[in-house]
Amino acid sequence: MLLWIGLVHAASIEPQKGSVFPTEDGYALSAEFTFDLGPRIEETITHGVPLYFNLELDITRPRKYWVDEHVLGFVLTYRISYSALTRQYRLSTGSLHRSFDSLTDVLRAMGRIAALPVADKGTFKPGENYRAELRLSLDNSQLPKPFQLDAVASRDWQVEAKVLRWQISGDAK
């Protein structure tokens, strides 16, 4: 039984730090994540199946006698793919693409976010406090159908996406 417990590998994506800060045009996000996807998911990428990840930032303003006000909901989708012909990994966000020699390099690039614009100037009110929640997760709904079924049934596809929570002050300049 103890041997079996040791073989069960819990894959995870864990935020190390995150901050939302003012810029000339509005507000930007900086964050760092660490990845442990597990051998099954890494093998799937190297066999040419693209994987999608969602970066989600939610900001709310707490209220005493009412439901918290939803201030910002930001989602950015990443796509990781591998080309056997060029032997390179590709990281895509929208129409932007970058190529890498190893999966480790792709995950490192995806896990380091620097000054990503997320909100306009008037988003936060001076004197108010806000709660931010940040997470990066594997999007199983974007997998090909046979892999979606496997993702539901297999622990190899269960990636724990931890959430980072922190306070933001509307007075930050």
N, C-alpha and C. Protein backbone atom coordinates (compact mmCIF):
# COMPACT_ATOMS: atom_id res chain seq x y z
N MET A 1 0.82 -1.20 0.00
CA MET A 1 0.00 0.00 0.00
C MET A 1 0.86 1.25 0.00
N LEU A 2 1.92 1.27 0.81
CA LEU A 2 2.80 2.44 0.84
C LEU A 2 3.51 2.63 -0.49
N LEU A 3 3.86 1.56 -1.16
CA LEU A 3 4.49 1.67 -2.46
C LEU A 3 3.53 2.31 -3.45
N TRP A 4 2.27 1.93 -3.44
CA TRP A 4 1.28 2.50 -4.35
C TRP A 4 1.11 3.99 -4.10
N ILE A 5 1.08 4.41 -2.85
CA ILE A 5 0.94 5.83 -2.52
C ILE A 5 2.12 6.60 -3.08
N GLY A 6 3.31 6.03 -3.03
CA GLY A 6 4.49 6.70 -3.56
C GLY A 6 4.46 6.85 -5.07
N LEU A 7 3.75 5.92 -5.77
CA LEU A 7 3.68 5.98 -7.22
C LEU A 7 2.66 6.97 -7.73
N VAL A 8 1.67 7.31 -6.92
CA VAL A 8 0.66 8.29 -7.32
C VAL A 8 1.33 9.65 -7.35
N HIS A 9 1.34 10.27 -8.51
CA HIS A 9 2.03 11.53 -8.70
C HIS A 9 1.00 12.64 -8.87
N ALA A 10 0.98 13.56 -7.95
CA ALA A 10 0.04 14.67 -8.04
C ALA A 10 0.67 15.81 -8.83
N ALA A 11 0.19 16.02 -10.05
CA ALA A 11 0.67 17.12 -10.87
C ALA A 11 0.08 18.42 -10.33
N SER A 12 0.84 19.51 -10.48
CA SER A 12 0.34 20.78 -9.96
C SER A 12 0.94 21.96 -10.70
N ILE A 13 0.21 23.05 -10.66
CA ILE A 13 0.68 24.35 -11.12
C ILE A 13 0.49 25.28 -9.93
N GLU A 14 1.59 25.82 -9.44
CA GLU A 14 1.53 26.60 -8.21
C GLU A 14 2.05 28.02 -8.42
N PRO A 15 1.23 29.02 -8.08
CA PRO A 15 1.71 30.41 -8.17
C PRO A 15 2.68 30.71 -7.03
N GLN A 16 3.80 31.31 -7.36
CA GLN A 16 4.79 31.66 -6.36
C GLN A 16 4.59 33.09 -5.85
N LYS A 17 4.29 34.00 -6.78
CA LYS A 17 4.00 35.38 -6.40
C LYS A 17 3.21 36.05 -7.51
N GLY A 18 2.53 37.11 -7.13
CA GLY A 18 1.74 37.87 -8.10
C GLY A 18 1.50 39.27 -7.59
N SER A 19 1.41 40.22 -8.51
CA SER A 19 1.10 41.60 -8.13
C SER A 19 0.44 42.32 -9.29
N VAL A 20 -0.44 43.22 -8.96
CA VAL A 20 -1.07 44.12 -9.92
C VAL A 20 -0.58 45.51 -9.55
N PHE A 21 -0.01 46.21 -10.52
CA PHE A 21 0.59 47.51 -10.23
C PHE A 21 0.20 48.52 -11.31
N PRO A 22 0.19 49.81 -10.95
CA PRO A 22 -0.17 50.86 -11.91
C PRO A 22 0.93 51.10 -12.95
N THR A 23 0.50 51.40 -14.16
CA THR A 23 1.40 51.78 -15.24
C THR A 23 0.88 53.09 -15.84
N GLU A 24 1.52 53.59 -16.87
CA GLU A 24 1.05 54.81 -17.52
C GLU A 24 -0.33 54.64 -18.14
N ASP A 25 -0.61 53.45 -18.68
CA ASP A 25 -1.86 53.21 -19.39
C ASP A 25 -2.95 52.58 -18.54
N GLY A 26 -2.64 52.11 -17.35
CA GLY A 26 -3.62 51.43 -16.52
C GLY A 26 -2.96 50.59 -15.46
N TYR A 27 -3.25 49.29 -15.47
CA TYR A 27 -2.69 48.37 -14.48
C TYR A 27 -2.15 47.13 -15.19
N ALA A 28 -1.08 46.58 -14.63
CA ALA A 28 -0.44 45.41 -15.22
C ALA A 28 -0.24 44.33 -14.17
N LEU A 29 -0.08 43.10 -14.64
CA LEU A 29 0.11 41.93 -13.79
C LEU A 29 1.52 41.40 -13.97
N SER A 30 2.16 41.08 -12.85
CA SER A 30 3.41 40.33 -12.85
C SER A 30 3.20 39.12 -11.96
N ALA A 31 3.69 37.96 -12.40
CA ALA A 31 3.48 36.74 -11.62
C ALA A 31 4.52 35.70 -11.99
N GLU A 32 4.67 34.73 -11.08
CA GLU A 32 5.54 33.58 -11.33
C GLU A 32 4.83 32.31 -10.89
N PHE A 33 4.98 31.26 -11.72
CA PHE A 33 4.38 29.96 -11.45
C PHE A 33 5.44 28.88 -11.55
N THR A 34 5.23 27.79 -10.82
CA THR A 34 6.06 26.59 -10.98
C THR A 34 5.15 25.47 -11.48
N PHE A 35 5.73 24.58 -12.28
CA PHE A 35 4.98 23.51 -12.92
C PHE A 35 5.53 22.15 -12.55
N ASP A 36 4.63 21.22 -12.36
CA ASP A 36 4.96 19.81 -12.26
C ASP A 36 3.81 19.08 -12.94
N LEU A 37 3.94 18.89 -14.25
CA LEU A 37 2.83 18.35 -15.04
C LEU A 37 2.74 16.83 -14.99
N GLY A 38 3.80 16.18 -14.66
CA GLY A 38 3.78 14.72 -14.63
C GLY A 38 4.18 14.14 -15.97
N PRO A 39 4.65 12.90 -15.97
CA PRO A 39 5.17 12.29 -17.20
C PRO A 39 4.12 12.06 -18.29
N ARG A 40 2.89 11.74 -17.92
CA ARG A 40 1.84 11.45 -18.92
C ARG A 40 1.51 12.69 -19.74
N ILE A 41 1.37 13.83 -19.10
CA ILE A 41 1.03 15.07 -19.81
C ILE A 41 2.20 15.51 -20.68
N GLU A 42 3.42 15.43 -20.15
CA GLU A 42 4.60 15.80 -20.92
C GLU A 42 4.75 14.90 -22.15
N GLU A 43 4.48 13.61 -21.99
CA GLU A 43 4.56 12.67 -23.10
C GLU A 43 3.51 13.00 -24.16
N THR A 44 2.34 13.40 -23.74
CA THR A 44 1.26 13.75 -24.66
C THR A 44 1.66 14.94 -25.53
N ILE A 45 2.30 15.94 -24.93
CA ILE A 45 2.75 17.10 -25.71
C ILE A 45 3.77 16.66 -26.75
N THR A 46 4.74 15.84 -26.35
CA THR A 46 5.79 15.43 -27.28
C THR A 46 5.27 14.53 -28.41
N HIS A 47 4.07 14.00 -28.26
CA HIS A 47 3.46 13.22 -29.33
C HIS A 47 2.56 14.08 -30.22
N GLY A 48 2.64 15.39 -30.08
CA GLY A 48 1.95 16.29 -31.01
C GLY A 48 0.57 16.74 -30.60
N VAL A 49 0.12 16.42 -29.40
CA VAL A 49 -1.21 16.88 -28.95
C VAL A 49 -1.03 18.24 -28.26
N PRO A 50 -1.66 19.29 -28.80
CA PRO A 50 -1.51 20.61 -28.16
C PRO A 50 -2.28 20.67 -26.84
N LEU A 51 -1.71 21.38 -25.89
CA LEU A 51 -2.37 21.59 -24.60
C LEU A 51 -2.65 23.07 -24.42
N TYR A 52 -3.77 23.36 -23.75
CA TYR A 52 -4.18 24.73 -23.51
C TYR A 52 -4.19 25.00 -22.01
N PHE A 53 -3.75 26.18 -21.65
CA PHE A 53 -3.72 26.62 -20.25
C PHE A 53 -4.40 27.98 -20.17
N ASN A 54 -5.16 28.19 -19.10
CA ASN A 54 -5.84 29.47 -18.88
C ASN A 54 -5.25 30.19 -17.69
N LEU A 55 -4.81 31.42 -17.91
CA LEU A 55 -4.37 32.31 -16.85
C LEU A 55 -5.59 33.14 -16.48
N GLU A 56 -6.02 33.05 -15.21
CA GLU A 56 -7.22 33.74 -14.77
C GLU A 56 -6.90 34.68 -13.61
N LEU A 57 -7.31 35.93 -13.76
CA LEU A 57 -7.18 36.92 -12.70
C LEU A 57 -8.57 37.48 -12.41
N ASP A 58 -9.00 37.34 -11.17
CA ASP A 58 -10.29 37.89 -10.73
C ASP A 58 -10.04 38.86 -9.60
N ILE A 59 -10.65 40.04 -9.71
CA ILE A 59 -10.51 41.04 -8.66
C ILE A 59 -11.90 41.47 -8.22
N THR A 60 -12.13 41.43 -6.92
CA THR A 60 -13.41 41.83 -6.34
C THR A 60 -13.19 42.90 -5.27
N ARG A 61 -14.24 43.67 -5.04
CA ARG A 61 -14.22 44.65 -3.96
C ARG A 61 -15.19 44.17 -2.89
N PRO A 62 -14.68 43.87 -1.69
CA PRO A 62 -15.57 43.40 -0.62
C PRO A 62 -16.55 44.49 -0.18
N ARG A 63 -17.79 44.07 0.10
CA ARG A 63 -18.80 45.00 0.63
C ARG A 63 -19.40 44.37 1.87
N LYS A 64 -19.73 45.21 2.84
CA LYS A 64 -20.22 44.72 4.13
C LYS A 64 -21.61 44.10 4.06
N TYR A 65 -22.53 44.78 3.45
CA TYR A 65 -23.92 44.34 3.52
C TYR A 65 -24.48 43.88 2.17
N TRP A 66 -23.59 43.51 1.28
CA TRP A 66 -24.02 43.10 -0.04
C TRP A 66 -22.98 42.13 -0.60
N VAL A 67 -23.32 41.50 -1.69
CA VAL A 67 -22.39 40.58 -2.34
C VAL A 67 -21.19 41.39 -2.84
N ASP A 68 -19.99 40.77 -2.79
CA ASP A 68 -18.79 41.45 -3.26
C ASP A 68 -18.97 41.89 -4.72
N GLU A 69 -18.44 43.08 -5.02
CA GLU A 69 -18.52 43.63 -6.37
C GLU A 69 -17.41 43.03 -7.24
N HIS A 70 -17.79 42.46 -8.37
CA HIS A 70 -16.80 41.92 -9.31
C HIS A 70 -16.24 43.09 -10.13
N VAL A 71 -14.95 43.36 -9.98
CA VAL A 71 -14.32 44.51 -10.61
C VAL A 71 -13.62 44.12 -11.91
N LEU A 72 -12.94 42.98 -11.90
CA LEU A 72 -12.14 42.61 -13.06
C LEU A 72 -12.10 41.10 -13.22
N GLY A 73 -12.32 40.64 -14.43
CA GLY A 73 -12.15 39.24 -14.78
C GLY A 73 -11.30 39.17 -16.03
N PHE A 74 -10.08 38.70 -15.90
CA PHE A 74 -9.14 38.66 -17.01
C PHE A 74 -8.74 37.21 -17.27
N VAL A 75 -8.81 36.78 -18.53
CA VAL A 75 -8.42 35.42 -18.90
C VAL A 75 -7.52 35.49 -20.14
N LEU A 76 -6.40 34.79 -20.06
CA LEU A 76 -5.48 34.69 -21.18
C LEU A 76 -5.23 33.21 -21.43
N THR A 77 -5.38 32.76 -22.68
CA THR A 77 -5.20 31.36 -23.01
C THR A 77 -3.85 31.14 -23.69
N TYR A 78 -3.11 30.16 -23.17
CA TYR A 78 -1.83 29.75 -23.75
C TYR A 78 -2.03 28.41 -24.45
N ARG A 79 -1.30 28.20 -25.53
CA ARG A 79 -1.32 26.92 -26.25
C ARG A 79 0.12 26.45 -26.39
N ILE A 80 0.37 25.22 -25.94
CA ILE A 80 1.69 24.61 -26.09
C ILE A 80 1.56 23.46 -27.08
N SER A 81 2.42 23.47 -28.09
CA SER A 81 2.42 22.39 -29.07
C SER A 81 3.86 21.99 -29.39
N TYR A 82 4.01 20.82 -29.99
CA TYR A 82 5.33 20.31 -30.36
C TYR A 82 5.31 19.89 -31.82
N SER A 83 6.35 20.28 -32.54
CA SER A 83 6.49 19.87 -33.94
C SER A 83 7.64 18.86 -34.03
N ALA A 84 7.32 17.63 -34.42
CA ALA A 84 8.35 16.60 -34.56
C ALA A 84 9.28 16.93 -35.72
N LEU A 85 8.79 17.63 -36.72
CA LEU A 85 9.59 17.98 -37.88
C LEU A 85 10.74 18.94 -37.51
N THR A 86 10.41 19.97 -36.76
CA THR A 86 11.43 20.95 -36.36
C THR A 86 12.03 20.65 -34.99
N ARG A 87 11.43 19.69 -34.27
CA ARG A 87 11.84 19.33 -32.92
C ARG A 87 11.85 20.55 -32.00
N GLN A 88 10.80 21.35 -32.13
CA GLN A 88 10.66 22.53 -31.28
C GLN A 88 9.27 22.60 -30.68
N TYR A 89 9.23 23.18 -29.50
CA TYR A 89 7.98 23.44 -28.81
C TYR A 89 7.55 24.86 -29.17
N ARG A 90 6.25 25.07 -29.22
CA ARG A 90 5.73 26.38 -29.58
C ARG A 90 4.74 26.83 -28.52
N LEU A 91 4.94 28.05 -28.05
CA LEU A 91 4.04 28.67 -27.08
C LEU A 91 3.29 29.78 -27.80
N SER A 92 1.96 29.71 -27.79
CA SER A 92 1.13 30.69 -28.50
C SER A 92 0.16 31.35 -27.53
N THR A 93 -0.02 32.64 -27.71
CA THR A 93 -1.07 33.40 -27.02
C THR A 93 -1.68 34.32 -28.07
N GLY A 94 -2.90 34.00 -28.46
CA GLY A 94 -3.52 34.78 -29.53
C GLY A 94 -2.74 34.59 -30.81
N SER A 95 -2.29 35.69 -31.42
CA SER A 95 -1.53 35.60 -32.67
C SER A 95 -0.02 35.66 -32.43
N LEU A 96 0.41 35.68 -31.19
CA LEU A 96 1.83 35.71 -30.87
C LEU A 96 2.35 34.30 -30.64
N HIS A 97 3.52 33.99 -31.21
CA HIS A 97 4.10 32.66 -31.10
C HIS A 97 5.59 32.78 -30.78
N ARG A 98 6.07 31.86 -29.97
CA ARG A 98 7.50 31.75 -29.69
C ARG A 98 7.89 30.28 -29.72
N SER A 99 9.08 30.00 -30.23
CA SER A 99 9.56 28.63 -30.30
C SER A 99 10.65 28.39 -29.27
N PHE A 100 10.70 27.15 -28.76
CA PHE A 100 11.66 26.77 -27.73
C PHE A 100 12.21 25.39 -28.04
N ASP A 101 13.40 25.11 -27.53
CA ASP A 101 14.04 23.82 -27.75
C ASP A 101 13.58 22.74 -26.78
N SER A 102 13.06 23.13 -25.62
CA SER A 102 12.65 22.13 -24.63
C SER A 102 11.35 22.54 -23.95
N LEU A 103 10.66 21.55 -23.42
CA LEU A 103 9.43 21.80 -22.69
C LEU A 103 9.71 22.62 -21.43
N THR A 104 10.84 22.37 -20.81
CA THR A 104 11.23 23.13 -19.62
C THR A 104 11.31 24.62 -19.93
N ASP A 105 11.88 24.97 -21.08
CA ASP A 105 11.98 26.38 -21.48
C ASP A 105 10.60 27.00 -21.74
N VAL A 106 9.71 26.21 -22.34
CA VAL A 106 8.34 26.70 -22.60
C VAL A 106 7.64 26.99 -21.28
N LEU A 107 7.72 26.05 -20.34
CA LEU A 107 7.04 26.22 -19.05
C LEU A 107 7.64 27.39 -18.27
N ARG A 108 8.94 27.57 -18.37
CA ARG A 108 9.59 28.70 -17.70
C ARG A 108 9.08 30.02 -18.27
N ALA A 109 8.97 30.10 -19.61
CA ALA A 109 8.47 31.33 -20.25
C ALA A 109 7.01 31.58 -19.90
N MET A 110 6.19 30.53 -19.90
CA MET A 110 4.78 30.69 -19.57
C MET A 110 4.59 31.03 -18.09
N GLY A 111 5.50 30.56 -17.26
CA GLY A 111 5.38 30.76 -15.82
C GLY A 111 5.91 32.09 -15.31
N ARG A 112 6.52 32.88 -16.17
CA ARG A 112 7.03 34.20 -15.77
C ARG A 112 6.31 35.27 -16.56
N ILE A 113 5.43 35.97 -15.88
CA ILE A 113 4.62 37.01 -16.50
C ILE A 113 5.12 38.35 -15.99
N ALA A 114 5.47 39.23 -16.92
CA ALA A 114 6.02 40.54 -16.53
C ALA A 114 5.24 41.65 -17.22
N ALA A 115 4.62 42.49 -16.45
CA ALA A 115 3.94 43.70 -16.94
C ALA A 115 2.91 43.40 -18.03
N LEU A 116 2.05 42.44 -17.78
CA LEU A 116 0.97 42.10 -18.70
C LEU A 116 -0.20 43.06 -18.43
N PRO A 117 -0.58 43.90 -19.40
CA PRO A 117 -1.70 44.83 -19.18
C PRO A 117 -3.00 44.08 -18.91
N VAL A 118 -3.69 44.46 -17.80
CA VAL A 118 -4.93 43.77 -17.44
C VAL A 118 -6.11 44.70 -17.19
N ALA A 119 -5.86 46.00 -16.95
CA ALA A 119 -6.98 46.89 -16.63
C ALA A 119 -6.68 48.32 -17.04
N ASP A 120 -7.75 49.07 -17.26
CA ASP A 120 -7.62 50.50 -17.60
C ASP A 120 -7.37 51.33 -16.36
N LYS A 121 -7.08 52.62 -16.56
CA LYS A 121 -6.73 53.51 -15.45
C LYS A 121 -7.80 53.63 -14.38
N GLY A 122 -9.04 53.80 -14.72
CA GLY A 122 -10.08 54.06 -13.74
C GLY A 122 -10.68 52.83 -13.08
N THR A 123 -10.03 51.70 -13.18
CA THR A 123 -10.58 50.44 -12.66
C THR A 123 -10.69 50.44 -11.14
N PHE A 124 -9.68 50.94 -10.44
CA PHE A 124 -9.66 50.91 -8.98
C PHE A 124 -9.94 52.29 -8.41
N LYS A 125 -10.81 52.35 -7.40
CA LYS A 125 -11.18 53.61 -6.75
C LYS A 125 -10.22 53.89 -5.60
N PRO A 126 -9.75 55.13 -5.50
CA PRO A 126 -8.87 55.48 -4.39
C PRO A 126 -9.57 55.26 -3.05
N GLY A 127 -8.84 54.75 -2.08
CA GLY A 127 -9.39 54.52 -0.75
C GLY A 127 -10.08 53.19 -0.58
N GLU A 128 -10.25 52.44 -1.63
CA GLU A 128 -10.92 51.14 -1.55
C GLU A 128 -9.88 50.01 -1.53
N ASN A 129 -10.25 48.90 -0.91
CA ASN A 129 -9.40 47.71 -0.91
C ASN A 129 -10.05 46.64 -1.77
N TYR A 130 -9.22 45.84 -2.42
CA TYR A 130 -9.69 44.83 -3.34
C TYR A 130 -9.03 43.49 -3.03
N ARG A 131 -9.68 42.40 -3.45
CA ARG A 131 -9.12 41.06 -3.32
C ARG A 131 -8.81 40.53 -4.71
N ALA A 132 -7.60 40.03 -4.87
CA ALA A 132 -7.19 39.45 -6.16
C ALA A 132 -7.01 37.94 -6.01
N GLU A 133 -7.41 37.21 -7.03
CA GLU A 133 -7.20 35.76 -7.10
C GLU A 133 -6.60 35.45 -8.45
N LEU A 134 -5.49 34.70 -8.43
CA LEU A 134 -4.76 34.38 -9.65
C LEU A 134 -4.53 32.88 -9.73
N ARG A 135 -4.74 32.32 -10.92
CA ARG A 135 -4.45 30.90 -11.11
C ARG A 135 -4.15 30.62 -12.58
N LEU A 136 -3.36 29.61 -12.80
CA LEU A 136 -3.04 29.11 -14.13
C LEU A 136 -3.40 27.64 -14.14
N SER A 137 -4.25 27.24 -15.07
CA SER A 137 -4.76 25.86 -15.04
C SER A 137 -4.78 25.24 -16.44
N LEU A 138 -4.67 23.92 -16.46
CA LEU A 138 -4.79 23.15 -17.68
C LEU A 138 -6.27 23.11 -18.07
N ASP A 139 -6.57 23.44 -19.33
CA ASP A 139 -7.94 23.46 -19.82
C ASP A 139 -8.24 22.14 -20.53
N ASN A 140 -8.81 21.18 -19.80
CA ASN A 140 -9.12 19.87 -20.36
C ASN A 140 -10.21 19.92 -21.42
N SER A 141 -11.04 20.96 -21.42
CA SER A 141 -12.12 21.05 -22.40
C SER A 141 -11.60 21.31 -23.81
N GLN A 142 -10.35 21.74 -23.95
CA GLN A 142 -9.76 22.01 -25.27
C GLN A 142 -9.01 20.80 -25.84
N LEU A 143 -8.93 19.72 -25.06
CA LEU A 143 -8.26 18.52 -25.53
C LEU A 143 -9.10 17.83 -26.60
N PRO A 144 -8.48 17.03 -27.48
CA PRO A 144 -9.27 16.21 -28.41
C PRO A 144 -10.18 15.27 -27.60
N LYS A 145 -11.33 14.93 -28.15
CA LYS A 145 -12.35 14.16 -27.42
C LYS A 145 -11.83 12.89 -26.74
N PRO A 146 -11.02 12.05 -27.40
CA PRO A 146 -10.54 10.84 -26.69
C PRO A 146 -9.72 11.18 -25.44
N PHE A 147 -8.96 12.27 -25.50
CA PHE A 147 -8.18 12.68 -24.34
C PHE A 147 -9.05 13.29 -23.25
N GLN A 148 -10.16 13.92 -23.63
CA GLN A 148 -11.09 14.46 -22.64
C GLN A 148 -11.66 13.33 -21.79
N LEU A 149 -12.01 12.21 -22.43
CA LEU A 149 -12.52 11.06 -21.68
C LEU A 149 -11.45 10.51 -20.76
N ASP A 150 -10.24 10.42 -21.24
CA ASP A 150 -9.12 9.93 -20.43
C ASP A 150 -8.86 10.89 -19.27
N ALA A 151 -9.00 12.18 -19.52
CA ALA A 151 -8.74 13.18 -18.47
C ALA A 151 -9.74 13.06 -17.32
N VAL A 152 -10.97 12.65 -17.63
CA VAL A 152 -11.97 12.47 -16.58
C VAL A 152 -11.68 11.23 -15.75
N ALA A 153 -11.23 10.17 -16.42
CA ALA A 153 -11.07 8.88 -15.75
C ALA A 153 -9.70 8.65 -15.13
N SER A 154 -8.68 9.35 -15.60
CA SER A 154 -7.32 9.05 -15.17
C SER A 154 -6.76 10.12 -14.24
N ARG A 155 -6.08 9.68 -13.20
CA ARG A 155 -5.43 10.61 -12.27
C ARG A 155 -4.22 11.29 -12.91
N ASP A 156 -3.69 10.69 -13.98
CA ASP A 156 -2.54 11.27 -14.67
C ASP A 156 -2.85 12.65 -15.26
N TRP A 157 -4.12 12.89 -15.52
CA TRP A 157 -4.55 14.15 -16.13
C TRP A 157 -5.05 15.16 -15.10
N GLN A 158 -5.08 14.79 -13.85
CA GLN A 158 -5.56 15.70 -12.80
C GLN A 158 -4.43 16.62 -12.37
N VAL A 159 -4.49 17.87 -12.77
CA VAL A 159 -3.47 18.86 -12.43
C VAL A 159 -4.09 19.83 -11.44
N GLU A 160 -3.54 19.85 -10.24
CA GLU A 160 -4.04 20.76 -9.21
C GLU A 160 -3.54 22.17 -9.52
N ALA A 161 -4.47 23.08 -9.77
CA ALA A 161 -4.14 24.47 -10.06
C ALA A 161 -4.42 25.29 -8.80
N LYS A 162 -3.36 25.61 -8.09
CA LYS A 162 -3.52 26.35 -6.84
C LYS A 162 -3.79 27.82 -7.13
N VAL A 163 -4.48 28.47 -6.19
CA VAL A 163 -4.89 29.86 -6.34
C VAL A 163 -4.08 30.73 -5.39
N LEU A 164 -3.58 31.83 -5.91
CA LEU A 164 -2.87 32.82 -5.11
C LEU A 164 -3.84 33.96 -4.82
N ARG A 165 -4.00 34.31 -3.54
CA ARG A 165 -4.89 35.39 -3.13
C ARG A 165 -4.10 36.47 -2.42
N TRP A 166 -4.42 37.74 -2.72
CA TRP A 166 -3.77 38.83 -2.01
C TRP A 166 -4.67 40.08 -2.08
N GLN A 167 -4.31 41.09 -1.29
CA GLN A 167 -5.06 42.34 -1.20
C GLN A 167 -4.42 43.40 -2.08
N ILE A 168 -5.27 44.23 -2.70
CA ILE A 168 -4.79 45.37 -3.50
C ILE A 168 -5.46 46.61 -2.93
N SER A 169 -4.68 47.67 -2.80
CA SER A 169 -5.21 48.94 -2.35
C SER A 169 -5.43 49.84 -3.56
N GLY A 170 -6.56 50.51 -3.60
CA GLY A 170 -6.85 51.45 -4.69
C GLY A 170 -5.99 52.69 -4.62
N ASP A 171 -5.26 52.87 -3.51
CA ASP A 171 -4.39 54.03 -3.35
C ASP A 171 -3.01 53.83 -3.96
N ALA A 172 -2.70 52.60 -4.38
CA ALA A 172 -1.36 52.31 -4.90
C ALA A 172 -1.10 53.11 -6.16
N LYS A 173 -0.03 53.81 -6.20
CA LYS A 173 0.37 54.62 -7.36
C LYS A 173 1.73 54.22 -7.85
